[in-house]
Amino acid sequence: MEIPHEFQAVLRRYLPYAGPGDLTPGDDLTSLGLDSMGVVQLMVDLEDGYDLELPDDILSEETFATVGSLWLTLSFLLDAARIGF
């Protein structure tokens, strides 16, 4: 799974411990420094940047566990919005 650079750029603002180079799907968001305040701010940035509303039911540890789990959730929402769901 490839993680788009635009998504990585938004995400990196909340990952103080991320090193240089691309983020990988298995990178653990908590160990890279994402905390609960960062999750809230990140959600606002994602909503603004991708022009969508993130439903409350995606607020789970599983969604925000790794770079890949968050991207899969976001990409599913983007695809659903594109086809009108």
C-alpha atoms as a PDB file:
ATOM      1  CA  MET A   1       0.000   0.000   0.000  1.00  0.00           C
ATOM      2  CA  GLU A   2       1.366   3.375  -0.991  1.00  0.00           C
ATOM      3  CA  ILE A   3       0.725   6.284   1.337  1.00  0.00           C
ATOM      4  CA  PRO A   4       0.155   9.503  -0.666  1.00  0.00           C
ATOM      5  CA  HIS A   5       2.620  12.316  -0.028  1.00  0.00           C
ATOM      6  CA  GLU A   6      -0.192  14.851   0.578  1.00  0.00           C
ATOM      7  CA  PHE A   7      -1.537  12.666   3.382  1.00  0.00           C
ATOM      8  CA  GLN A   8       1.960  12.176   4.799  1.00  0.00           C
ATOM      9  CA  ALA A   9       2.527  15.945   4.807  1.00  0.00           C
ATOM     10  CA  VAL A  10      -0.623  16.530   6.872  1.00  0.00           C
ATOM     11  CA  LEU A  11       0.139  13.628   9.198  1.00  0.00           C
ATOM     12  CA  ARG A  12       3.774  14.621   9.814  1.00  0.00           C
ATOM     13  CA  ARG A  13       2.663  17.837  11.560  1.00  0.00           C
ATOM     14  CA  TYR A  14       1.501  15.634  14.438  1.00  0.00           C
ATOM     15  CA  LEU A  15       4.377  13.141  14.492  1.00  0.00           C
ATOM     16  CA  PRO A  16       7.310  14.789  16.269  1.00  0.00           C
ATOM     17  CA  TYR A  17       9.302  11.538  16.388  1.00  0.00           C
ATOM     18  CA  ALA A  18       8.981  10.637  12.703  1.00  0.00           C
ATOM     19  CA  GLY A  19      12.300  10.504  10.917  1.00  0.00           C
ATOM     20  CA  PRO A  20      13.020  11.713   7.411  1.00  0.00           C
ATOM     21  CA  GLY A  21      11.771   9.734   4.456  1.00  0.00           C
ATOM     22  CA  ASP A  22       8.414   8.254   3.645  1.00  0.00           C
ATOM     23  CA  LEU A  23       6.091   6.955   6.307  1.00  0.00           C
ATOM     24  CA  THR A  24       5.169   3.301   5.908  1.00  0.00           C
ATOM     25  CA  PRO A  25       1.770   1.654   6.461  1.00  0.00           C
ATOM     26  CA  GLY A  26       3.042  -0.186   9.539  1.00  0.00           C
ATOM     27  CA  ASP A  27       4.412   2.883  11.327  1.00  0.00           C
ATOM     28  CA  ASP A  28       2.829   3.129  14.773  1.00  0.00           C
ATOM     29  CA  LEU A  29       1.274   6.575  15.251  1.00  0.00           C
ATOM     30  CA  THR A  30       1.570   6.610  19.038  1.00  0.00           C
ATOM     31  CA  SER A  31       5.270   5.758  18.989  1.00  0.00           C
ATOM     32  CA  LEU A  32       5.786   8.551  16.428  1.00  0.00           C
ATOM     33  CA  GLY A  33       4.261  11.006  18.913  1.00  0.00           C
ATOM     34  CA  LEU A  34       0.561  11.258  18.035  1.00  0.00           C
ATOM     35  CA  ASP A  35      -1.359  12.015  21.221  1.00  0.00           C
ATOM     36  CA  SER A  36      -5.055  12.615  21.941  1.00  0.00           C
ATOM     37  CA  MET A  37      -4.832  16.366  21.318  1.00  0.00           C
ATOM     38  CA  GLY A  38      -3.011  15.655  18.079  1.00  0.00           C
ATOM     39  CA  VAL A  39      -5.771  13.260  16.988  1.00  0.00           C
ATOM     40  CA  VAL A  40      -8.389  16.002  17.371  1.00  0.00           C
ATOM     41  CA  GLN A  41      -6.289  18.556  15.482  1.00  0.00           C
ATOM     42  CA  LEU A  42      -5.375  16.004  12.816  1.00  0.00           C
ATOM     43  CA  MET A  43      -9.045  15.190  12.243  1.00  0.00           C
ATOM     44  CA  VAL A  44      -9.815  18.879  11.666  1.00  0.00           C
ATOM     45  CA  ASP A  45      -6.917  19.163   9.218  1.00  0.00           C
ATOM     46  CA  LEU A  46      -8.022  16.037   7.345  1.00  0.00           C
ATOM     47  CA  GLU A  47     -11.603  17.266   7.145  1.00  0.00           C
ATOM     48  CA  ASP A  48     -10.472  20.652   5.831  1.00  0.00           C
ATOM     49  CA  GLY A  49      -7.843  19.263   3.484  1.00  0.00           C
ATOM     50  CA  TYR A  50     -10.009  16.563   1.953  1.00  0.00           C
ATOM     51  CA  ASP A  51     -13.315  18.454   2.175  1.00  0.00           C
ATOM     52  CA  LEU A  52     -15.195  15.759   4.068  1.00  0.00           C
ATOM     53  CA  GLU A  53     -16.646  15.105   7.482  1.00  0.00           C
ATOM     54  CA  LEU A  54     -15.151  12.287   9.497  1.00  0.00           C
ATOM     55  CA  PRO A  55     -17.903  10.309  11.253  1.00  0.00           C
ATOM     56  CA  ASP A  56     -17.643   9.795  15.002  1.00  0.00           C
ATOM     57  CA  ASP A  57     -17.615   6.018  14.591  1.00  0.00           C
ATOM     58  CA  ILE A  58     -14.088   6.120  13.134  1.00  0.00           C
ATOM     59  CA  LEU A  59     -12.737   7.449  16.420  1.00  0.00           C
ATOM     60  CA  SER A  60     -11.130   4.240  17.579  1.00  0.00           C
ATOM     61  CA  GLU A  61      -7.744   2.962  18.594  1.00  0.00           C
ATOM     62  CA  GLU A  62      -7.736   0.731  15.518  1.00  0.00           C
ATOM     63  CA  THR A  63      -8.216   3.646  13.101  1.00  0.00           C
ATOM     64  CA  PHE A  64      -5.410   5.660  14.669  1.00  0.00           C
ATOM     65  CA  ALA A  65      -3.073   2.720  15.330  1.00  0.00           C
ATOM     66  CA  THR A  66      -0.853   2.966  12.254  1.00  0.00           C
ATOM     67  CA  VAL A  67      -0.277   5.166   9.244  1.00  0.00           C
ATOM     68  CA  GLY A  68      -1.843   2.453   7.090  1.00  0.00           C
ATOM     69  CA  SER A  69      -4.974   1.991   9.203  1.00  0.00           C
ATOM     70  CA  LEU A  70      -5.654   5.716   9.172  1.00  0.00           C
ATOM     71  CA  TRP A  71      -5.038   5.996   5.426  1.00  0.00           C
ATOM     72  CA  LEU A  72      -7.297   2.992   4.685  1.00  0.00           C
ATOM     73  CA  THR A  73     -10.118   4.573   6.678  1.00  0.00           C
ATOM     74  CA  LEU A  74      -9.657   7.950   5.011  1.00  0.00           C
ATOM     75  CA  SER A  75      -9.392   6.474   1.518  1.00  0.00           C
ATOM     76  CA  PHE A  76     -12.585   4.458   2.092  1.00  0.00           C
ATOM     77  CA  LEU A  77     -14.407   7.666   3.091  1.00  0.00           C
ATOM     78  CA  LEU A  78     -13.014   9.500   0.065  1.00  0.00           C
ATOM     79  CA  ASP A  79     -14.117   6.720  -2.275  1.00  0.00           C
ATOM     80  CA  ALA A  80     -17.596   6.673  -0.717  1.00  0.00           C
ATOM     81  CA  ALA A  81     -17.885  10.447  -1.094  1.00  0.00           C
ATOM     82  CA  ARG A  82     -16.794  10.213  -4.745  1.00  0.00           C
ATOM     83  CA  ILE A  83     -19.517   7.749  -5.628  1.00  0.00           C
ATOM     84  CA  GLY A  84     -22.138   9.548  -3.569  1.00  0.00           C
ATOM     85  CA  PHE A  85     -22.594   7.463  -0.419  1.00  0.00           C
END
